[in-house]
Structure formats: C-alpha cells, structure tokens
Amino acid sequence: MFDFGENYEVCNCKKVTIHDITNTIINQNASTLREIQDFTTAGTECRHCIFPEGDFGKIKKKIYCKDILNKVKKGLENG
C-alpha cells in the first residue's frame, strides 16, 4: 500500500508507525485525524506529522497522518 515499510515512523515524538495508524483506522474504525490522535497519540506533540501544511520541521516527513487516513479509507471503499 505504501512505497516504504509499515515500520516507518510517522510520528517521531510518540514513536507511531504507519502500521499503528493503519491498524487504528481498520480495527478501531478511526475516520478522522482527531480519532487517529486519540487512539495513537500521533501528532499530539509538535504536530508536524499530521499534514504537510503543518510541517515546519527542517526535515520533511515522507508521509503524513492525513495521507495514510486518505489512502486507507480509499482502499476500504474500493474493497
């Protein structure tokens, strides 16, 4: 589903991986960024990992929580 491993750390502050977020969307039925934050704590510290527009870090992320949410939701809709 992604161009790099599911162990890629999306949120460095809270050590949350693509797998953690994907699992939350599928198994906890998280459908919003807020729900992803509530279940995983991703994006609750510096908030740079939520979406590109909010990433003010020197080193940009390869993928953001918003990207994962949209991609997984699209995959679930397409069966």
N, C-alpha and C. Protein backbone atom coordinates (compact mmCIF):
# COMPACT_ATOMS: atom_id res chain seq x y z
N MET A 1 0.82 -1.19 0.00
CA MET A 1 0.00 0.00 0.00
C MET A 1 0.87 1.26 0.00
N PHE A 2 2.02 1.19 0.63
CA PHE A 2 2.91 2.35 0.71
C PHE A 2 4.25 2.00 0.06
N ASP A 3 4.97 3.03 -0.38
CA ASP A 3 6.23 2.83 -1.07
C ASP A 3 7.38 2.45 -0.14
N PHE A 4 7.15 2.49 1.15
CA PHE A 4 8.18 2.12 2.12
C PHE A 4 7.51 1.32 3.23
N GLY A 5 8.30 0.71 4.09
CA GLY A 5 7.79 -0.21 5.08
C GLY A 5 6.79 0.36 6.07
N GLU A 6 5.93 -0.52 6.56
CA GLU A 6 4.93 -0.11 7.54
C GLU A 6 5.54 0.25 8.89
N ASN A 7 6.84 -0.02 9.05
CA ASN A 7 7.51 0.36 10.29
C ASN A 7 8.08 1.78 10.23
N TYR A 8 7.82 2.48 9.12
CA TYR A 8 8.26 3.88 9.01
C TYR A 8 7.58 4.68 10.11
N GLU A 9 8.38 5.41 10.86
CA GLU A 9 7.89 6.19 12.00
C GLU A 9 7.32 7.52 11.51
N VAL A 10 6.01 7.62 11.49
CA VAL A 10 5.33 8.84 11.05
C VAL A 10 5.46 9.92 12.11
N CYS A 11 5.23 9.55 13.36
CA CYS A 11 5.33 10.50 14.47
C CYS A 11 6.54 10.13 15.32
N ASN A 12 7.60 10.92 15.15
CA ASN A 12 8.83 10.65 15.90
C ASN A 12 8.66 10.97 17.39
N CYS A 13 7.84 11.96 17.71
CA CYS A 13 7.66 12.36 19.11
C CYS A 13 7.05 11.22 19.93
N LYS A 14 6.07 10.53 19.36
CA LYS A 14 5.35 9.48 20.08
C LYS A 14 5.67 8.08 19.57
N LYS A 15 6.61 7.98 18.60
CA LYS A 15 7.05 6.69 18.07
C LYS A 15 5.90 5.89 17.44
N VAL A 16 5.07 6.56 16.64
CA VAL A 16 3.92 5.93 15.99
C VAL A 16 4.27 5.64 14.53
N THR A 17 4.02 4.40 14.12
CA THR A 17 4.38 3.95 12.77
C THR A 17 3.18 3.95 11.82
N ILE A 18 3.47 3.74 10.54
CA ILE A 18 2.39 3.59 9.55
C ILE A 18 1.49 2.44 9.97
N HIS A 19 2.10 1.35 10.42
CA HIS A 19 1.32 0.18 10.86
C HIS A 19 0.36 0.55 11.99
N ASP A 20 0.83 1.31 12.97
CA ASP A 20 -0.02 1.71 14.09
C ASP A 20 -1.24 2.50 13.60
N ILE A 21 -1.00 3.42 12.70
CA ILE A 21 -2.09 4.27 12.20
C ILE A 21 -3.04 3.47 11.33
N THR A 22 -2.51 2.65 10.44
CA THR A 22 -3.34 1.81 9.58
C THR A 22 -4.20 0.88 10.41
N ASN A 23 -3.60 0.26 11.41
CA ASN A 23 -4.31 -0.64 12.31
C ASN A 23 -5.45 0.08 13.02
N THR A 24 -5.22 1.30 13.44
CA THR A 24 -6.23 2.09 14.14
C THR A 24 -7.40 2.42 13.21
N ILE A 25 -7.11 2.75 11.98
CA ILE A 25 -8.17 3.07 11.02
C ILE A 25 -9.02 1.84 10.74
N ILE A 26 -8.38 0.71 10.55
CA ILE A 26 -9.10 -0.52 10.21
C ILE A 26 -9.79 -1.14 11.42
N ASN A 27 -9.07 -1.31 12.52
CA ASN A 27 -9.61 -2.05 13.67
C ASN A 27 -10.39 -1.21 14.67
N GLN A 28 -10.09 0.08 14.75
CA GLN A 28 -10.81 0.96 15.68
C GLN A 28 -11.81 1.85 14.94
N ASN A 29 -11.88 1.68 13.61
CA ASN A 29 -12.77 2.47 12.76
C ASN A 29 -12.53 3.97 12.87
N ALA A 30 -11.27 4.35 13.07
CA ALA A 30 -10.93 5.77 13.11
C ALA A 30 -11.14 6.35 11.72
N SER A 31 -11.89 7.45 11.64
CA SER A 31 -12.20 8.03 10.34
C SER A 31 -11.83 9.50 10.24
N THR A 32 -11.21 10.04 11.29
CA THR A 32 -10.77 11.43 11.28
C THR A 32 -9.36 11.53 11.85
N LEU A 33 -8.71 12.63 11.57
CA LEU A 33 -7.38 12.85 12.15
C LEU A 33 -7.46 12.92 13.67
N ARG A 34 -8.51 13.51 14.20
CA ARG A 34 -8.69 13.60 15.66
C ARG A 34 -8.77 12.21 16.27
N GLU A 35 -9.49 11.30 15.64
CA GLU A 35 -9.60 9.94 16.16
C GLU A 35 -8.26 9.22 16.10
N ILE A 36 -7.50 9.45 15.04
CA ILE A 36 -6.16 8.87 14.96
C ILE A 36 -5.31 9.39 16.11
N GLN A 37 -5.39 10.68 16.39
CA GLN A 37 -4.65 11.26 17.51
C GLN A 37 -5.10 10.67 18.83
N ASP A 38 -6.41 10.52 19.01
CA ASP A 38 -6.93 9.98 20.27
C ASP A 38 -6.47 8.54 20.51
N PHE A 39 -6.48 7.72 19.46
CA PHE A 39 -6.11 6.31 19.61
C PHE A 39 -4.60 6.07 19.66
N THR A 40 -3.83 6.85 18.89
CA THR A 40 -2.39 6.57 18.77
C THR A 40 -1.49 7.60 19.45
N THR A 41 -2.01 8.76 19.73
CA THR A 41 -1.30 9.95 20.23
C THR A 41 -0.39 10.58 19.18
N ALA A 42 -0.43 10.08 17.94
CA ALA A 42 0.36 10.69 16.85
C ALA A 42 -0.11 12.13 16.64
N GLY A 43 0.83 13.02 16.47
CA GLY A 43 0.50 14.41 16.19
C GLY A 43 0.03 15.22 17.37
N THR A 44 0.25 14.71 18.57
CA THR A 44 -0.20 15.45 19.75
C THR A 44 0.91 16.25 20.42
N GLU A 45 2.13 16.13 19.93
CA GLU A 45 3.26 16.91 20.48
C GLU A 45 3.54 18.09 19.56
N CYS A 46 4.43 17.92 18.61
CA CYS A 46 4.84 19.04 17.74
C CYS A 46 3.86 19.26 16.59
N ARG A 47 3.06 18.25 16.26
CA ARG A 47 2.02 18.31 15.23
C ARG A 47 2.56 18.37 13.80
N HIS A 48 3.84 18.16 13.58
CA HIS A 48 4.41 18.23 12.23
C HIS A 48 4.01 17.03 11.38
N CYS A 49 3.55 15.96 11.97
CA CYS A 49 3.26 14.73 11.23
C CYS A 49 1.81 14.62 10.76
N ILE A 50 0.99 15.60 11.08
CA ILE A 50 -0.43 15.49 10.74
C ILE A 50 -0.67 15.70 9.25
N PHE A 51 -0.18 16.81 8.70
CA PHE A 51 -0.32 17.09 7.27
C PHE A 51 0.80 18.02 6.82
N PRO A 52 1.14 18.00 5.53
CA PRO A 52 2.30 18.77 5.05
C PRO A 52 2.24 20.26 5.37
N GLU A 53 1.06 20.83 5.32
CA GLU A 53 0.91 22.26 5.57
C GLU A 53 1.33 22.65 6.99
N GLY A 54 1.32 21.71 7.90
CA GLY A 54 1.69 21.98 9.28
C GLY A 54 3.09 21.53 9.64
N ASP A 55 3.83 21.04 8.65
CA ASP A 55 5.18 20.53 8.91
C ASP A 55 6.20 21.65 8.75
N PHE A 56 6.60 22.22 9.88
CA PHE A 56 7.58 23.30 9.88
C PHE A 56 8.96 22.80 10.30
N GLY A 57 9.12 21.48 10.35
CA GLY A 57 10.41 20.90 10.71
C GLY A 57 11.42 21.06 9.59
N LYS A 58 12.69 20.97 9.94
CA LYS A 58 13.75 21.11 8.93
C LYS A 58 13.75 19.93 7.96
N ILE A 59 13.50 18.74 8.48
CA ILE A 59 13.44 17.54 7.65
C ILE A 59 11.97 17.15 7.49
N LYS A 60 11.49 17.16 6.26
CA LYS A 60 10.08 16.87 5.99
C LYS A 60 9.82 15.36 6.05
N LYS A 61 8.61 15.01 6.44
CA LYS A 61 8.19 13.62 6.51
C LYS A 61 8.01 13.05 5.10
N LYS A 62 8.09 11.74 4.97
CA LYS A 62 7.82 11.07 3.70
C LYS A 62 6.31 10.90 3.51
N ILE A 63 5.59 10.80 4.63
CA ILE A 63 4.15 10.62 4.59
C ILE A 63 3.58 11.18 5.90
N TYR A 64 2.33 11.60 5.84
CA TYR A 64 1.68 12.24 6.99
C TYR A 64 0.44 11.46 7.39
N CYS A 65 -0.04 11.69 8.59
CA CYS A 65 -1.25 11.01 9.09
C CYS A 65 -2.41 11.19 8.11
N LYS A 66 -2.57 12.39 7.60
CA LYS A 66 -3.65 12.69 6.65
C LYS A 66 -3.53 11.81 5.40
N ASP A 67 -2.32 11.63 4.88
CA ASP A 67 -2.11 10.79 3.70
C ASP A 67 -2.50 9.35 3.97
N ILE A 68 -2.10 8.85 5.13
CA ILE A 68 -2.41 7.46 5.49
C ILE A 68 -3.91 7.28 5.63
N LEU A 69 -4.56 8.20 6.33
CA LEU A 69 -6.01 8.13 6.50
C LEU A 69 -6.71 8.09 5.15
N ASN A 70 -6.35 9.00 4.26
CA ASN A 70 -7.00 9.05 2.94
C ASN A 70 -6.74 7.79 2.13
N LYS A 71 -5.52 7.29 2.17
CA LYS A 71 -5.17 6.10 1.38
C LYS A 71 -5.88 4.85 1.91
N VAL A 72 -5.93 4.68 3.22
CA VAL A 72 -6.59 3.51 3.80
C VAL A 72 -8.10 3.59 3.58
N LYS A 73 -8.69 4.76 3.79
CA LYS A 73 -10.13 4.91 3.56
C LYS A 73 -10.48 4.62 2.11
N LYS A 74 -9.66 5.09 1.18
CA LYS A 74 -9.90 4.83 -0.25
C LYS A 74 -9.81 3.34 -0.54
N GLY A 75 -8.83 2.67 0.06
CA GLY A 75 -8.68 1.23 -0.11
C GLY A 75 -9.86 0.46 0.45
N LEU A 76 -10.39 0.90 1.58
CA LEU A 76 -11.55 0.24 2.18
C LEU A 76 -12.80 0.45 1.33
N GLU A 77 -12.94 1.63 0.75
CA GLU A 77 -14.09 1.92 -0.10
C GLU A 77 -14.07 1.10 -1.38
N ASN A 78 -12.86 0.85 -1.90
CA ASN A 78 -12.72 0.10 -3.15
C ASN A 78 -12.72 -1.41 -2.93
N GLY A 79 -12.81 -1.81 -1.67
CA GLY A 79 -12.92 -3.22 -1.34
C GLY A 79 -11.64 -3.91 -1.27
